[in-house]
Amino acid sequence: MKFVMPGGTGQVGTVLKRALSAAGHDVVVLSRHPAEPGEAHWDGETLGPWAAEIDGCDVVVNLAGRSVNCRYTPANLRQMMDSRVHSARVVGEAIAAAARPPRV
């Protein structure tokens, strides 16, 4: 199966990617700073070439969002919320535009 994981470079995504890859699945991580094979660039806010990874994949696991490891100031809380809302919105747009949307 092909998994696409927006924001999959964090702690949870790293462990999940390792487990899925070890089980023989194809895993693509969407990252603002792709550094490894199997990672594609995205900004978490706008549609781009990364959306082609979602078209025809089997599963999308959205792990995107600003780290919660910070002081909970009003500005940081707003960034945490916005990063999750914007990324979920654009992932939804990519799924809606896919000729072959993921099953899950």
PDB file of N, CA and C in Angstrom:
ATOM      1  N   MET A   1       0.848  -1.181   0.000  1.00  0.00           N
ATOM      2  CA  MET A   1       0.000   0.000   0.000  1.00  0.00           C
ATOM      3  C   MET A   1       0.888   1.238   0.000  1.00  0.00           C
ATOM      4  N   LYS A   2       0.352   2.316  -0.537  1.00  0.00           N
ATOM      5  CA  LYS A   2       1.075   3.591  -0.526  1.00  0.00           C
ATOM      6  C   LYS A   2       0.452   4.503   0.520  1.00  0.00           C
ATOM      7  N   PHE A   3       1.305   4.975   1.433  1.00  0.00           N
ATOM      8  CA  PHE A   3       0.917   5.909   2.478  1.00  0.00           C
ATOM      9  C   PHE A   3       1.545   7.260   2.183  1.00  0.00           C
ATOM     10  N   VAL A   4       0.792   8.327   2.360  1.00  0.00           N
ATOM     11  CA  VAL A   4       1.319   9.687   2.273  1.00  0.00           C
ATOM     12  C   VAL A   4       1.113  10.325   3.636  1.00  0.00           C
ATOM     13  N   MET A   5       2.213  10.868   4.192  1.00  0.00           N
ATOM     14  CA  MET A   5       2.160  11.442   5.535  1.00  0.00           C
ATOM     15  C   MET A   5       2.609  12.902   5.511  1.00  0.00           C
ATOM     16  N   PRO A   6       1.661  13.832   5.394  1.00  0.00           N
ATOM     17  CA  PRO A   6       2.017  15.234   5.557  1.00  0.00           C
ATOM     18  C   PRO A   6       2.542  15.465   6.975  1.00  0.00           C
ATOM     19  N   GLY A   7       3.665  16.137   7.087  1.00  0.00           N
ATOM     20  CA  GLY A   7       4.229  16.426   8.396  1.00  0.00           C
ATOM     21  C   GLY A   7       4.798  15.204   9.084  1.00  0.00           C
ATOM     22  N   GLY A   8       5.228  14.228   8.336  1.00  0.00           N
ATOM     23  CA  GLY A   8       5.690  12.978   8.920  1.00  0.00           C
ATOM     24  C   GLY A   8       7.141  12.953   9.357  1.00  0.00           C
ATOM     25  N   THR A   9       7.779  14.111   9.525  1.00  0.00           N
ATOM     26  CA  THR A   9       9.187  14.123   9.928  1.00  0.00           C
ATOM     27  C   THR A   9       9.371  14.236  11.436  1.00  0.00           C
ATOM     28  N   GLY A  10       8.292  14.368  12.178  1.00  0.00           N
ATOM     29  CA  GLY A  10       8.386  14.465  13.632  1.00  0.00           C
ATOM     30  C   GLY A  10       8.539  13.097  14.269  1.00  0.00           C
ATOM     31  N   GLN A  11       8.410  13.072  15.572  1.00  0.00           N
ATOM     32  CA  GLN A  11       8.617  11.845  16.341  1.00  0.00           C
ATOM     33  C   GLN A  11       7.648  10.733  15.925  1.00  0.00           C
ATOM     34  N   VAL A  12       6.372  11.032  15.887  1.00  0.00           N
ATOM     35  CA  VAL A  12       5.375  10.017  15.527  1.00  0.00           C
ATOM     36  C   VAL A  12       5.563   9.576  14.079  1.00  0.00           C
ATOM     37  N   GLY A  13       5.752  10.524  13.193  1.00  0.00           N
ATOM     38  CA  GLY A  13       5.920  10.196  11.785  1.00  0.00           C
ATOM     39  C   GLY A  13       7.149   9.358  11.503  1.00  0.00           C
ATOM     40  N   THR A  14       8.231   9.638  12.187  1.00  0.00           N
ATOM     41  CA  THR A  14       9.468   8.885  11.994  1.00  0.00           C
ATOM     42  C   THR A  14       9.269   7.420  12.386  1.00  0.00           C
ATOM     43  N   VAL A  15       8.635   7.190  13.520  1.00  0.00           N
ATOM     44  CA  VAL A  15       8.380   5.825  13.983  1.00  0.00           C
ATOM     45  C   VAL A  15       7.399   5.115  13.047  1.00  0.00           C
ATOM     46  N   LEU A  16       6.340   5.830  12.651  1.00  0.00           N
ATOM     47  CA  LEU A  16       5.341   5.236  11.767  1.00  0.00           C
ATOM     48  C   LEU A  16       5.941   4.904  10.408  1.00  0.00           C
ATOM     49  N   LYS A  17       6.748   5.801   9.857  1.00  0.00           N
ATOM     50  CA  LYS A  17       7.381   5.551   8.558  1.00  0.00           C
ATOM     51  C   LYS A  17       8.276   4.322   8.640  1.00  0.00           C
ATOM     52  N   ARG A  18       9.044   4.227   9.687  1.00  0.00           N
ATOM     53  CA  ARG A  18       9.942   3.076   9.848  1.00  0.00           C
ATOM     54  C   ARG A  18       9.144   1.768   9.887  1.00  0.00           C
ATOM     55  N   ALA A  19       8.063   1.757  10.657  1.00  0.00           N
ATOM     56  CA  ALA A  19       7.250   0.543  10.782  1.00  0.00           C
ATOM     57  C   ALA A  19       6.561   0.183   9.467  1.00  0.00           C
ATOM     58  N   LEU A  20       5.997   1.178   8.802  1.00  0.00           N
ATOM     59  CA  LEU A  20       5.303   0.911   7.537  1.00  0.00           C
ATOM     60  C   LEU A  20       6.273   0.452   6.459  1.00  0.00           C
ATOM     61  N   SER A  21       7.429   1.096   6.388  1.00  0.00           N
ATOM     62  CA  SER A  21       8.445   0.702   5.406  1.00  0.00           C
ATOM     63  C   SER A  21       8.933  -0.709   5.669  1.00  0.00           C
ATOM     64  N   ALA A  22       9.151  -1.047   6.937  1.00  0.00           N
ATOM     65  CA  ALA A  22       9.604  -2.391   7.298  1.00  0.00           C
ATOM     66  C   ALA A  22       8.565  -3.443   6.925  1.00  0.00           C
ATOM     67  N   ALA A  23       7.298  -3.061   6.916  1.00  0.00           N
ATOM     68  CA  ALA A  23       6.224  -3.980   6.544  1.00  0.00           C
ATOM     69  C   ALA A  23       6.028  -4.050   5.027  1.00  0.00           C
ATOM     70  N   GLY A  24       6.872  -3.331   4.277  1.00  0.00           N
ATOM     71  CA  GLY A  24       6.823  -3.404   2.821  1.00  0.00           C
ATOM     72  C   GLY A  24       5.971  -2.366   2.128  1.00  0.00           C
ATOM     73  N   HIS A  25       5.484  -1.386   2.870  1.00  0.00           N
ATOM     74  CA  HIS A  25       4.643  -0.354   2.270  1.00  0.00           C
ATOM     75  C   HIS A  25       5.494   0.764   1.678  1.00  0.00           C
ATOM     76  N   ASP A  26       4.945   1.445   0.696  1.00  0.00           N
ATOM     77  CA  ASP A  26       5.556   2.634   0.098  1.00  0.00           C
ATOM     78  C   ASP A  26       5.097   3.825   0.923  1.00  0.00           C
ATOM     79  N   VAL A  27       6.047   4.608   1.461  1.00  0.00           N
ATOM     80  CA  VAL A  27       5.706   5.741   2.317  1.00  0.00           C
ATOM     81  C   VAL A  27       6.333   7.008   1.745  1.00  0.00           C
ATOM     82  N   VAL A  28       5.503   8.030   1.545  1.00  0.00           N
ATOM     83  CA  VAL A  28       5.973   9.341   1.115  1.00  0.00           C
ATOM     84  C   VAL A  28       5.646  10.336   2.212  1.00  0.00           C
ATOM     85  N   VAL A  29       6.661  11.048   2.674  1.00  0.00           N
ATOM     86  CA  VAL A  29       6.483  12.065   3.707  1.00  0.00           C
ATOM     87  C   VAL A  29       6.499  13.431   3.035  1.00  0.00           C
ATOM     88  N   LEU A  30       5.502  14.251   3.336  1.00  0.00           N
ATOM     89  CA  LEU A  30       5.469  15.625   2.843  1.00  0.00           C
ATOM     90  C   LEU A  30       6.103  16.503   3.908  1.00  0.00           C
ATOM     91  N   SER A  31       7.120  17.262   3.513  1.00  0.00           N
ATOM     92  CA  SER A  31       7.905  18.040   4.473  1.00  0.00           C
ATOM     93  C   SER A  31       8.249  19.405   3.905  1.00  0.00           C
ATOM     94  N   ARG A  32       8.360  20.380   4.791  1.00  0.00           N
ATOM     95  CA  ARG A  32       8.812  21.710   4.358  1.00  0.00           C
ATOM     96  C   ARG A  32      10.287  21.699   3.994  1.00  0.00           C
ATOM     97  N   HIS A  33      11.027  20.754   4.552  1.00  0.00           N
ATOM     98  CA  HIS A  33      12.471  20.650   4.298  1.00  0.00           C
ATOM     99  C   HIS A  33      12.836  19.205   3.999  1.00  0.00           C
ATOM    100  N   PRO A  34      12.433  18.700   2.815  1.00  0.00           N
ATOM    101  CA  PRO A  34      12.736  17.302   2.503  1.00  0.00           C
ATOM    102  C   PRO A  34      14.244  17.079   2.470  1.00  0.00           C
ATOM    103  N   ALA A  35      14.684  16.020   3.144  1.00  0.00           N
ATOM    104  CA  ALA A  35      16.112  15.761   3.244  1.00  0.00           C
ATOM    105  C   ALA A  35      16.470  14.321   2.906  1.00  0.00           C
ATOM    106  N   GLU A  36      15.483  13.458   2.765  1.00  0.00           N
ATOM    107  CA  GLU A  36      15.743  12.043   2.534  1.00  0.00           C
ATOM    108  C   GLU A  36      14.930  11.554   1.344  1.00  0.00           C
ATOM    109  N   PRO A  37      15.367  10.436   0.746  1.00  0.00           N
ATOM    110  CA  PRO A  37      14.520   9.828  -0.289  1.00  0.00           C
ATOM    111  C   PRO A  37      13.155   9.494   0.309  1.00  0.00           C
ATOM    112  N   GLY A  38      12.125   9.626  -0.488  1.00  0.00           N
ATOM    113  CA  GLY A  38      10.777   9.353   0.003  1.00  0.00           C
ATOM    114  C   GLY A  38      10.117  10.554   0.640  1.00  0.00           C
ATOM    115  N   GLU A  39      10.769  11.712   0.569  1.00  0.00           N
ATOM    116  CA  GLU A  39      10.173  12.945   1.086  1.00  0.00           C
ATOM    117  C   GLU A  39       9.925  13.899  -0.079  1.00  0.00           C
ATOM    118  N   ALA A  40       8.793  14.576  -0.045  1.00  0.00           N
ATOM    119  CA  ALA A  40       8.423  15.547  -1.074  1.00  0.00           C
ATOM    120  C   ALA A  40       8.179  16.893  -0.406  1.00  0.00           C
ATOM    121  N   HIS A  41       8.467  17.954  -1.122  1.00  0.00           N
ATOM    122  CA  HIS A  41       8.322  19.299  -0.562  1.00  0.00           C
ATOM    123  C   HIS A  41       6.870  19.759  -0.585  1.00  0.00           C
ATOM    124  N   TRP A  42       6.477  20.391   0.507  1.00  0.00           N
ATOM    125  CA  TRP A  42       5.192  21.094   0.570  1.00  0.00           C
ATOM    126  C   TRP A  42       5.333  22.214   1.592  1.00  0.00           C
ATOM    127  N   ASP A  43       4.413  23.179   1.544  1.00  0.00           N
ATOM    128  CA  ASP A  43       4.476  24.281   2.508  1.00  0.00           C
ATOM    129  C   ASP A  43       3.378  24.195   3.558  1.00  0.00           C
ATOM    130  N   GLY A  44       2.513  23.216   3.452  1.00  0.00           N
ATOM    131  CA  GLY A  44       1.461  23.030   4.434  1.00  0.00           C
ATOM    132  C   GLY A  44       0.289  23.987   4.281  1.00  0.00           C
ATOM    133  N   GLU A  45       0.301  24.788   3.222  1.00  0.00           N
ATOM    134  CA  GLU A  45      -0.770  25.777   3.053  1.00  0.00           C
ATOM    135  C   GLU A  45      -1.342  25.845   1.648  1.00  0.00           C
ATOM    136  N   THR A  46      -0.542  25.471   0.632  1.00  0.00           N
ATOM    137  CA  THR A  46      -1.006  25.630  -0.741  1.00  0.00           C
ATOM    138  C   THR A  46      -0.828  24.335  -1.529  1.00  0.00           C
ATOM    139  N   LEU A  47      -1.707  24.142  -2.507  1.00  0.00           N
ATOM    140  CA  LEU A  47      -1.555  23.000  -3.405  1.00  0.00           C
ATOM    141  C   LEU A  47      -0.296  23.181  -4.233  1.00  0.00           C
ATOM    142  N   GLY A  48       0.325  22.086  -4.558  1.00  0.00           N
ATOM    143  CA  GLY A  48       1.537  22.121  -5.358  1.00  0.00           C
ATOM    144  C   GLY A  48       1.784  20.758  -5.965  1.00  0.00           C
ATOM    145  N   PRO A  49       2.985  20.552  -6.511  1.00  0.00           N
ATOM    146  CA  PRO A  49       3.313  19.261  -7.119  1.00  0.00           C
ATOM    147  C   PRO A  49       3.169  18.081  -6.160  1.00  0.00           C
ATOM    148  N   TRP A  50       3.267  18.338  -4.872  1.00  0.00           N
ATOM    149  CA  TRP A  50       3.121  17.284  -3.865  1.00  0.00           C
ATOM    150  C   TRP A  50       1.765  16.593  -3.941  1.00  0.00           C
ATOM    151  N   ALA A  51       0.752  17.298  -4.427  1.00  0.00           N
ATOM    152  CA  ALA A  51      -0.601  16.732  -4.480  1.00  0.00           C
ATOM    153  C   ALA A  51      -0.650  15.490  -5.369  1.00  0.00           C
ATOM    154  N   ALA A  52       0.284  15.361  -6.310  1.00  0.00           N
ATOM    155  CA  ALA A  52       0.332  14.179  -7.171  1.00  0.00           C
ATOM    156  C   ALA A  52       0.612  12.918  -6.352  1.00  0.00           C
ATOM    157  N   GLU A  53       1.274  13.061  -5.218  1.00  0.00           N
ATOM    158  CA  GLU A  53       1.545  11.907  -4.354  1.00  0.00           C
ATOM    159  C   GLU A  53       0.253  11.354  -3.746  1.00  0.00           C
ATOM    160  N   ILE A  54      -0.707  12.215  -3.520  1.00  0.00           N
ATOM    161  CA  ILE A  54      -1.978  11.793  -2.922  1.00  0.00           C
ATOM    162  C   ILE A  54      -2.867  11.095  -3.947  1.00  0.00           C
ATOM    163  N   ASP A  55      -2.787  11.550  -5.195  1.00  0.00           N
ATOM    164  CA  ASP A  55      -3.604  10.947  -6.246  1.00  0.00           C
ATOM    165  C   ASP A  55      -3.148   9.506  -6.471  1.00  0.00           C
ATOM    166  N   GLY A  56      -3.995   8.563  -6.133  1.00  0.00           N
ATOM    167  CA  GLY A  56      -3.684   7.154  -6.315  1.00  0.00           C
ATOM    168  C   GLY A  56      -3.102   6.465  -5.097  1.00  0.00           C
ATOM    169  N   CYS A  57      -2.834   7.207  -4.020  1.00  0.00           N
ATOM    170  CA  CYS A  57      -2.331   6.545  -2.817  1.00  0.00           C
ATOM    171  C   CYS A  57      -3.484   5.834  -2.111  1.00  0.00           C
ATOM    172  N   ASP A  58      -3.133   4.997  -1.155  1.00  0.00           N
ATOM    173  CA  ASP A  58      -4.152   4.244  -0.427  1.00  0.00           C
ATOM    174  C   ASP A  58      -4.587   4.926   0.866  1.00  0.00           C
ATOM    175  N   VAL A  59      -3.619   5.575   1.556  1.00  0.00           N
ATOM    176  CA  VAL A  59      -3.891   6.132   2.882  1.00  0.00           C
ATOM    177  C   VAL A  59      -3.162   7.462   3.037  1.00  0.00           C
ATOM    178  N   VAL A  60      -3.835   8.443   3.636  1.00  0.00           N
ATOM    179  CA  VAL A  60      -3.192   9.700   4.036  1.00  0.00           C
ATOM    180  C   VAL A  60      -3.278   9.791   5.556  1.00  0.00           C
ATOM    181  N   VAL A  61      -2.130  10.019   6.180  1.00  0.00           N
ATOM    182  CA  VAL A  61      -2.058  10.208   7.630  1.00  0.00           C
ATOM    183  C   VAL A  61      -1.499  11.608   7.855  1.00  0.00           C
ATOM    184  N   ASN A  62      -2.363  12.552   8.208  1.00  0.00           N
ATOM    185  CA  ASN A  62      -1.925  13.939   8.370  1.00  0.00           C
ATOM    186  C   ASN A  62      -1.376  14.162   9.776  1.00  0.00           C
ATOM    187  N   LEU A  63      -0.066  14.375   9.854  1.00  0.00           N
ATOM    188  CA  LEU A  63       0.609  14.632  11.124  1.00  0.00           C
ATOM    189  C   LEU A  63       1.156  16.054  11.177  1.00  0.00           C
ATOM    190  N   ALA A  64       0.731  16.895  10.256  1.00  0.00           N
ATOM    191  CA  ALA A  64       1.294  18.238  10.144  1.00  0.00           C
ATOM    192  C   ALA A  64       0.805  19.159  11.254  1.00  0.00           C
ATOM    193  N   GLY A  65       1.679  20.015  11.668  1.00  0.00           N
ATOM    194  CA  GLY A  65       1.336  21.037  12.648  1.00  0.00           C
ATOM    195  C   GLY A  65       2.559  21.503  13.409  1.00  0.00           C
ATOM    196  N   ARG A  66       2.543  22.753  13.787  1.00  0.00           N
ATOM    197  CA  ARG A  66       3.642  23.334  14.553  1.00  0.00           C
ATOM    198  C   ARG A  66       3.835  22.560  15.844  1.00  0.00           C
ATOM    199  N   SER A  67       5.065  22.415  16.255  1.00  0.00           N
ATOM    200  CA  SER A  67       5.379  21.699  17.484  1.00  0.00           C
ATOM    201  C   SER A  67       4.673  22.331  18.684  1.00  0.00           C
ATOM    202  N   VAL A  68       4.247  21.483  19.601  1.00  0.00           N
ATOM    203  CA  VAL A  68       3.628  21.966  20.831  1.00  0.00           C
ATOM    204  C   VAL A  68       4.674  22.102  21.940  1.00  0.00           C
ATOM    205  N   ASN A  69       5.918  21.835  21.610  1.00  0.00           N
ATOM    206  CA  ASN A  69       7.010  21.933  22.568  1.00  0.00           C
ATOM    207  C   ASN A  69       7.508  23.382  22.616  1.00  0.00           C
ATOM    208  N   CYS A  70       6.717  24.230  23.251  1.00  0.00           N
ATOM    209  CA  CYS A  70       7.033  25.650  23.340  1.00  0.00           C
ATOM    210  C   CYS A  70       6.218  26.270  24.475  1.00  0.00           C
ATOM    211  N   ARG A  71       6.479  27.546  24.739  1.00  0.00           N
ATOM    212  CA  ARG A  71       5.653  28.275  25.705  1.00  0.00           C
ATOM    213  C   ARG A  71       4.290  28.522  25.068  1.00  0.00           C
ATOM    214  N   TYR A  72       3.248  28.380  25.852  1.00  0.00           N
ATOM    215  CA  TYR A  72       1.902  28.526  25.315  1.00  0.00           C
ATOM    216  C   TYR A  72       1.451  29.989  25.381  1.00  0.00           C
ATOM    217  N   THR A  73       2.151  30.813  24.615  1.00  0.00           N
ATOM    218  CA  THR A  73       1.780  32.217  24.492  1.00  0.00           C
ATOM    219  C   THR A  73       0.621  32.318  23.504  1.00  0.00           C
ATOM    220  N   PRO A  74      -0.092  33.425  23.513  1.00  0.00           N
ATOM    221  CA  PRO A  74      -1.174  33.571  22.526  1.00  0.00           C
ATOM    222  C   PRO A  74      -0.671  33.412  21.080  1.00  0.00           C
ATOM    223  N   ALA A  75       0.500  33.954  20.787  1.00  0.00           N
ATOM    224  CA  ALA A  75       1.041  33.845  19.423  1.00  0.00           C
ATOM    225  C   ALA A  75       1.360  32.396  19.072  1.00  0.00           C
ATOM    226  N   ASN A  76       1.976  31.662  19.986  1.00  0.00           N
ATOM    227  CA  ASN A  76       2.304  30.267  19.720  1.00  0.00           C
ATOM    228  C   ASN A  76       1.052  29.410  19.606  1.00  0.00           C
ATOM    229  N   LEU A  77       0.073  29.665  20.447  1.00  0.00           N
ATOM    230  CA  LEU A  77      -1.186  28.920  20.369  1.00  0.00           C
ATOM    231  C   LEU A  77      -1.868  29.153  19.027  1.00  0.00           C
ATOM    232  N   ARG A  78      -1.839  30.380  18.543  1.00  0.00           N
ATOM    233  CA  ARG A  78      -2.434  30.703  17.238  1.00  0.00           C
ATOM    234  C   ARG A  78      -1.688  29.975  16.128  1.00  0.00           C
ATOM    235  N   GLN A  79      -0.348  29.960  16.197  1.00  0.00           N
ATOM    236  CA  GLN A  79       0.435  29.253  15.180  1.00  0.00           C
ATOM    237  C   GLN A  79       0.153  27.753  15.197  1.00  0.00           C
ATOM    238  N   MET A  80       0.029  27.170  16.384  1.00  0.00           N
ATOM    239  CA  MET A  80      -0.282  25.746  16.479  1.00  0.00           C
ATOM    240  C   MET A  80      -1.635  25.440  15.840  1.00  0.00           C
ATOM    241  N   MET A  81      -2.628  26.241  16.147  1.00  0.00           N
ATOM    242  CA  MET A  81      -3.965  26.021  15.588  1.00  0.00           C
ATOM    243  C   MET A  81      -3.974  26.251  14.076  1.00  0.00           C
ATOM    244  N   ASP A  82      -3.422  27.383  13.647  1.00  0.00           N
ATOM    245  CA  ASP A  82      -3.417  27.697  12.219  1.00  0.00           C
ATOM    246  C   ASP A  82      -2.691  26.639  11.396  1.00  0.00           C
ATOM    247  N   SER A  83      -1.570  26.151  11.900  1.00  0.00           N
ATOM    248  CA  SER A  83      -0.803  25.168  11.134  1.00  0.00           C
ATOM    249  C   SER A  83      -1.603  23.880  10.939  1.00  0.00           C
ATOM    250  N   ARG A  84      -2.393  23.515  11.906  1.00  0.00           N
ATOM    251  CA  ARG A  84      -3.204  22.305  11.776  1.00  0.00           C
ATOM    252  C   ARG A  84      -4.414  22.529  10.866  1.00  0.00           C
ATOM    253  N   VAL A  85      -5.057  23.653  11.014  1.00  0.00           N
ATOM    254  CA  VAL A  85      -6.227  23.959  10.183  1.00  0.00           C
ATOM    255  C   VAL A  85      -5.826  24.127   8.719  1.00  0.00           C
ATOM    256  N   HIS A  86      -4.778  24.903   8.454  1.00  0.00           N
ATOM    257  CA  HIS A  86      -4.361  25.148   7.069  1.00  0.00           C
ATOM    258  C   HIS A  86      -3.896  23.869   6.391  1.00  0.00           C
ATOM    259  N   SER A  87      -3.118  23.054   7.110  1.00  0.00           N
ATOM    260  CA  SER A  87      -2.625  21.821   6.489  1.00  0.00           C
ATOM    261  C   SER A  87      -3.779  20.851   6.222  1.00  0.00           C
ATOM    262  N   ALA A  88      -4.718  20.729   7.153  1.00  0.00           N
ATOM    263  CA  ALA A  88      -5.859  19.831   6.940  1.00  0.00           C
ATOM    264  C   ALA A  88      -6.700  20.310   5.758  1.00  0.00           C
ATOM    265  N   ARG A  89      -6.848  21.615   5.644  1.00  0.00           N
ATOM    266  CA  ARG A  89      -7.638  22.171   4.539  1.00  0.00           C
ATOM    267  C   ARG A  89      -6.997  21.842   3.193  1.00  0.00           C
ATOM    268  N   VAL A  90      -5.687  22.043   3.069  1.00  0.00           N
ATOM    269  CA  VAL A  90      -5.036  21.833   1.778  1.00  0.00           C
ATOM    270  C   VAL A  90      -4.924  20.343   1.452  1.00  0.00           C
ATOM    271  N   VAL A  91      -4.773  19.495   2.457  1.00  0.00           N
ATOM    272  CA  VAL A  91      -4.786  18.052   2.212  1.00  0.00           C
ATOM    273  C   VAL A  91      -6.174  17.654   1.710  1.00  0.00           C
ATOM    274  N   GLY A  92      -7.215  18.201   2.297  1.00  0.00           N
ATOM    275  CA  GLY A  92      -8.571  17.936   1.829  1.00  0.00           C
ATOM    276  C   GLY A  92      -8.785  18.388   0.395  1.00  0.00           C
ATOM    277  N   GLU A  93      -8.221  19.526   0.041  1.00  0.00           N
ATOM    278  CA  GLU A  93      -8.321  20.008  -1.342  1.00  0.00           C
ATOM    279  C   GLU A  93      -7.623  19.051  -2.301  1.00  0.00           C
ATOM    280  N   ALA A  94      -6.459  18.550  -1.906  1.00  0.00           N
ATOM    281  CA  ALA A  94      -5.723  17.611  -2.760  1.00  0.00           C
ATOM    282  C   ALA A  94      -6.505  16.311  -2.931  1.00  0.00           C
ATOM    283  N   ILE A  95      -7.114  15.844  -1.862  1.00  0.00           N
ATOM    284  CA  ILE A  95      -7.921  14.622  -1.942  1.00  0.00           C
ATOM    285  C   ILE A  95      -9.133  14.848  -2.845  1.00  0.00           C
ATOM    286  N   ALA A  96      -9.792  15.983  -2.686  1.00  0.00           N
ATOM    287  CA  ALA A  96     -10.977  16.292  -3.501  1.00  0.00           C
ATOM    288  C   ALA A  96     -10.630  16.406  -4.975  1.00  0.00           C
ATOM    289  N   ALA A  97      -9.430  16.871  -5.289  1.00  0.00           N
ATOM    290  CA  ALA A  97      -9.027  17.060  -6.688  1.00  0.00           C
ATOM    291  C   ALA A  97      -8.440  15.798  -7.297  1.00  0.00           C
ATOM    292  N   ALA A  98      -8.180  14.780  -6.516  1.00  0.00           N
ATOM    293  CA  ALA A  98      -7.535  13.562  -7.014  1.00  0.00           C
ATOM    294  C   ALA A  98      -8.460  12.777  -7.929  1.00  0.00           C
ATOM    295  N   ALA A  99      -7.904  12.302  -9.027  1.00  0.00           N
ATOM    296  CA  ALA A  99      -8.672  11.433  -9.921  1.00  0.00           C
ATOM    297  C   ALA A  99      -8.936  10.097  -9.247  1.00  0.00           C
ATOM    298  N   ARG A 100      -7.975   9.646  -8.434  1.00  0.00           N
ATOM    299  CA  ARG A 100      -8.111   8.400  -7.674  1.00  0.00           C
ATOM    300  C   ARG A 100      -7.803   8.721  -6.213  1.00  0.00           C
ATOM    301  N   PRO A 101      -8.792   9.209  -5.468  1.00  0.00           N
ATOM    302  CA  PRO A 101      -8.555   9.610  -4.077  1.00  0.00           C
ATOM    303  C   PRO A 101      -8.221   8.399  -3.208  1.00  0.00           C
ATOM    304  N   PRO A 102      -7.513   8.650  -2.115  1.00  0.00           N
ATOM    305  CA  PRO A 102      -7.178   7.552  -1.208  1.00  0.00           C
ATOM    306  C   PRO A 102      -8.425   6.951  -0.573  1.00  0.00           C
ATOM    307  N   ARG A 103      -8.331   5.681  -0.213  1.00  0.00           N
ATOM    308  CA  ARG A 103      -9.457   5.002   0.432  1.00  0.00           C
ATOM    309  C   ARG A 103      -9.605   5.455   1.867  1.00  0.00           C
ATOM    310  N   VAL A 104      -8.480   5.778   2.517  1.00  0.00           N
ATOM    311  CA  VAL A 104      -8.497   6.165   3.932  1.00  0.00           C
ATOM    312  C   VAL A 104      -7.689   7.437   4.108  1.00  0.00           C
TER     313      VAL A 104
END
